[in-house]
Amino acid sequence: MPSKPKRPILQKTLKLKDNHTWKAPDGYKIFVMDRGAVSFNIPASWHLAKLEPNVEFNDQPPPNDEARLSVSYWRFPPDIDWTGLPLAPLLAKSVEGSGMQVLERSEIMRLPRADLEIVWMQHRFLDPVEKRDAFSRFALARGFGIHVFISCDFWVEDAPRIMPVWKEALRSLQLGRSIADPLTGPVEH
């Protein structure tokens, strides 16, 4: 079956209002999906590489990239009690059968947050094309009727540079907000 041609990513820069409430740490920008359903911080220098079927950021424009962060999300009815479906087994199942030659798997770790459930893990694998060791980190989070899957792929030697990017993405992750005016930002209480 022929693949669909890629649509170009159209970017438009808008000026934020003087009284906007957006705040990101130095060197980062805030990425917002679906008017606040998902948002997190990403390095200001990273490039938006694709929008479908998942959103993907790269540290350099492809094919010269050395690291990639991808995100997908799903909305679910907010009134469902998800406690009977723990995230750790869902994450483990979601990364099975990737076809990669996994050299090492971390334990699944929980990120303590009062507002969201977040679990994550890491694989070290041999890249079949480059014949180099690489890491893939995977996170599954949920809250406020949203489930989100985030992955980050990078070379082992780039770990000191990329691990802070991963930490900041998970630290800043927000789910289920509704931002009426993106030029003003989220309502601060």
Protein backbone atom coordinates (compact mmCIF):
# COMPACT_ATOMS: atom_id res chain seq x y z
CA MET A 1 0.00 0.00 0.00
CA PRO A 2 1.53 3.38 -0.92
CA SER A 3 2.16 5.73 1.96
CA LYS A 4 0.40 9.06 2.14
CA PRO A 5 2.55 12.01 1.13
CA LYS A 6 3.76 14.03 4.11
CA ARG A 7 2.07 17.35 4.60
CA PRO A 8 4.49 20.18 5.24
CA ILE A 9 4.45 21.62 8.74
CA LEU A 10 3.13 25.13 8.51
CA GLN A 11 4.45 27.28 11.31
CA LYS A 12 3.05 30.66 12.17
CA THR A 13 4.49 32.97 14.80
CA LEU A 14 2.05 35.06 16.79
CA LYS A 15 2.92 37.77 19.31
CA LEU A 16 1.89 36.96 22.85
CA LYS A 17 -0.24 39.52 24.66
CA ASP A 18 1.54 41.79 27.12
CA ASN A 19 -0.26 40.18 30.08
CA HIS A 20 0.45 36.55 29.05
CA THR A 21 1.06 33.93 31.75
CA TRP A 22 3.38 31.56 29.85
CA LYS A 23 6.60 30.88 31.76
CA ALA A 24 9.37 28.45 30.81
CA PRO A 25 12.85 28.01 32.30
CA ASP A 26 15.74 29.70 30.52
CA GLY A 27 16.62 27.85 27.32
CA TYR A 28 13.20 26.17 27.02
CA LYS A 29 9.94 26.80 25.22
CA ILE A 30 6.48 25.48 26.07
CA PHE A 31 4.83 23.08 23.64
CA VAL A 32 1.03 22.94 23.90
CA MET A 33 -1.22 20.41 22.17
CA ASP A 34 -4.95 20.83 21.62
CA ARG A 35 -5.33 24.08 23.58
CA GLY A 36 -3.80 22.64 26.74
CA ALA A 37 -4.79 18.97 26.68
CA VAL A 38 -1.03 18.26 26.89
CA SER A 39 1.83 20.68 27.48
CA PHE A 40 5.48 20.41 28.48
CA ASN A 41 8.78 22.23 28.12
CA ILE A 42 11.21 21.45 25.31
CA PRO A 43 14.61 23.04 24.60
CA ALA A 44 14.14 26.28 22.66
CA SER A 45 16.64 25.13 20.04
CA TRP A 46 14.84 21.85 19.23
CA HIS A 47 12.91 21.50 15.97
CA LEU A 48 9.35 20.35 15.39
CA ALA A 49 9.90 17.53 12.87
CA LYS A 50 6.44 16.00 12.43
CA LEU A 51 2.84 16.18 13.63
CA GLU A 52 1.33 12.84 12.57
CA PRO A 53 0.74 10.18 13.75
CA ASN A 54 2.65 11.54 16.75
CA VAL A 55 4.37 14.85 17.45
CA GLU A 56 8.14 14.66 17.16
CA PHE A 57 10.89 17.06 18.17
CA ASN A 58 14.54 16.66 17.19
CA ASP A 59 17.66 18.33 18.55
CA GLN A 60 18.73 19.15 14.97
CA PRO A 61 16.76 19.13 11.72
CA PRO A 62 16.59 15.56 10.38
CA PRO A 63 18.58 13.79 9.04
CA ASN A 64 21.31 15.48 11.13
CA ASP A 65 19.54 14.86 14.44
CA GLU A 66 21.14 13.03 17.35
CA ALA A 67 18.09 12.93 19.65
CA ARG A 68 14.32 12.73 19.27
CA LEU A 69 11.38 13.23 21.64
CA SER A 70 7.94 11.99 20.54
CA VAL A 71 4.53 12.36 22.14
CA SER A 72 1.05 10.93 21.52
CA TYR A 73 -2.07 11.36 23.62
CA TRP A 74 -5.61 10.07 23.94
CA ARG A 75 -8.68 11.55 25.60
CA PHE A 76 -10.87 9.35 27.79
CA PRO A 77 -14.03 10.15 29.72
CA PRO A 78 -12.82 11.92 32.88
CA ASP A 79 -15.35 10.18 35.15
CA ILE A 80 -13.76 6.71 34.75
CA ASP A 81 -11.88 5.30 37.76
CA TRP A 82 -8.57 4.11 36.28
CA THR A 83 -7.12 2.73 39.53
CA GLY A 84 -7.97 -0.82 38.43
CA LEU A 85 -5.73 -0.44 35.39
CA PRO A 86 -2.22 0.31 36.71
CA LEU A 87 0.14 2.23 34.44
CA ALA A 88 3.28 0.11 34.99
CA PRO A 89 1.95 -3.03 33.22
CA LEU A 90 0.51 -0.84 30.44
CA LEU A 91 3.92 0.75 29.88
CA ALA A 92 5.69 -2.63 29.90
CA LYS A 93 3.21 -4.01 27.37
CA SER A 94 3.40 -0.92 25.15
CA VAL A 95 7.17 -1.31 24.57
CA GLU A 96 7.12 -5.07 23.91
CA GLY A 97 7.87 -6.35 20.43
CA SER A 98 9.57 -3.22 19.15
CA GLY A 99 12.02 -5.32 17.15
CA MET A 100 15.02 -3.57 18.66
CA GLN A 101 17.92 -5.62 20.04
CA VAL A 102 17.54 -4.62 23.70
CA LEU A 103 20.81 -4.91 25.62
CA GLU A 104 19.53 -3.67 28.97
CA ARG A 105 16.15 -2.76 30.50
CA SER A 106 15.62 -0.56 33.53
CA GLU A 107 12.98 -1.18 36.13
CA ILE A 108 9.78 0.80 35.72
CA MET A 109 10.01 3.91 37.87
CA ARG A 110 7.23 6.06 39.25
CA LEU A 111 7.57 9.82 39.19
CA PRO A 112 5.95 11.21 42.32
CA ARG A 113 3.41 13.86 41.35
CA ALA A 114 0.26 14.80 43.26
CA ASP A 115 -1.61 15.80 40.09
CA LEU A 116 -0.64 13.03 37.61
CA GLU A 117 0.30 9.37 37.50
CA ILE A 118 3.61 8.95 35.64
CA VAL A 119 5.73 5.84 35.10
CA TRP A 120 8.81 5.55 32.93
CA MET A 121 11.57 3.13 31.91
CA GLN A 122 14.68 2.99 29.76
CA HIS A 123 16.11 0.53 27.24
CA ARG A 124 19.68 0.45 25.98
CA PHE A 125 19.78 -1.07 22.51
CA LEU A 126 22.00 -1.56 19.51
CA ASP A 127 20.91 0.64 16.61
CA PRO A 128 20.69 -1.73 13.62
CA VAL A 129 21.71 0.89 11.05
CA GLU A 130 24.41 2.87 12.89
CA LYS A 131 25.68 -0.14 14.92
CA ARG A 132 25.88 2.13 17.97
CA ASP A 133 24.48 1.84 21.48
CA ALA A 134 21.49 4.05 22.08
CA PHE A 135 18.91 4.71 24.77
CA SER A 136 15.14 4.86 24.48
CA ARG A 137 13.18 6.26 27.37
CA PHE A 138 9.43 5.72 27.55
CA ALA A 139 6.86 7.38 29.82
CA LEU A 140 3.17 6.82 30.27
CA ALA A 141 1.16 9.40 32.19
CA ARG A 142 -2.49 10.03 32.88
CA GLY A 143 -4.70 12.53 34.54
CA PHE A 144 -7.76 14.67 33.89
CA GLY A 145 -9.15 12.34 31.20
CA ILE A 146 -5.87 12.24 29.23
CA HIS A 147 -3.36 9.43 28.69
CA VAL A 148 -0.03 10.43 27.14
CA PHE A 149 2.91 8.37 25.84
CA ILE A 150 6.30 10.08 25.55
CA SER A 151 9.47 8.55 24.17
CA CYS A 152 12.99 9.89 23.82
CA ASP A 153 15.75 8.29 21.72
CA PHE A 154 19.41 9.29 21.90
CA TRP A 155 22.95 7.95 21.63
CA VAL A 156 24.57 6.68 24.82
CA GLU A 157 27.34 9.28 24.55
CA ASP A 158 24.70 12.06 24.44
CA ALA A 159 23.08 10.99 27.73
CA PRO A 160 24.57 13.86 29.81
CA ARG A 161 23.07 16.37 27.35
CA ILE A 162 19.67 14.67 26.84
CA MET A 163 18.77 13.41 30.33
CA PRO A 164 18.03 16.97 31.56
CA VAL A 165 15.70 17.42 28.55
CA TRP A 166 13.80 14.26 29.59
CA LYS A 167 13.63 15.36 33.22
CA GLU A 168 12.28 18.79 32.29
CA ALA A 169 9.67 17.37 29.91
CA LEU A 170 8.29 15.09 32.65
CA ARG A 171 8.62 17.73 35.39
CA SER A 172 6.71 20.30 33.35
CA LEU A 173 4.10 17.90 31.92
CA GLN A 174 0.54 19.21 32.31
CA LEU A 175 -2.60 17.34 31.23
CA GLY A 176 -6.24 18.20 30.76
CA ARG A 177 -6.11 21.98 30.79
CA SER A 178 -8.36 24.09 28.58
CA ILE A 179 -6.69 27.31 27.47
CA ALA A 180 -9.22 29.68 25.99
CA ASP A 181 -6.69 32.16 24.56
CA PRO A 182 -3.27 30.76 23.62
CA LEU A 183 -1.90 34.30 23.26
CA THR A 184 -2.65 34.97 26.94
CA GLY A 185 -1.87 31.52 28.35
CA PRO A 186 -3.36 29.48 31.15
CA VAL A 187 -5.45 31.24 33.75
CA GLU A 188 -3.39 31.67 36.92
CA HIS A 189 -5.21 31.46 40.26
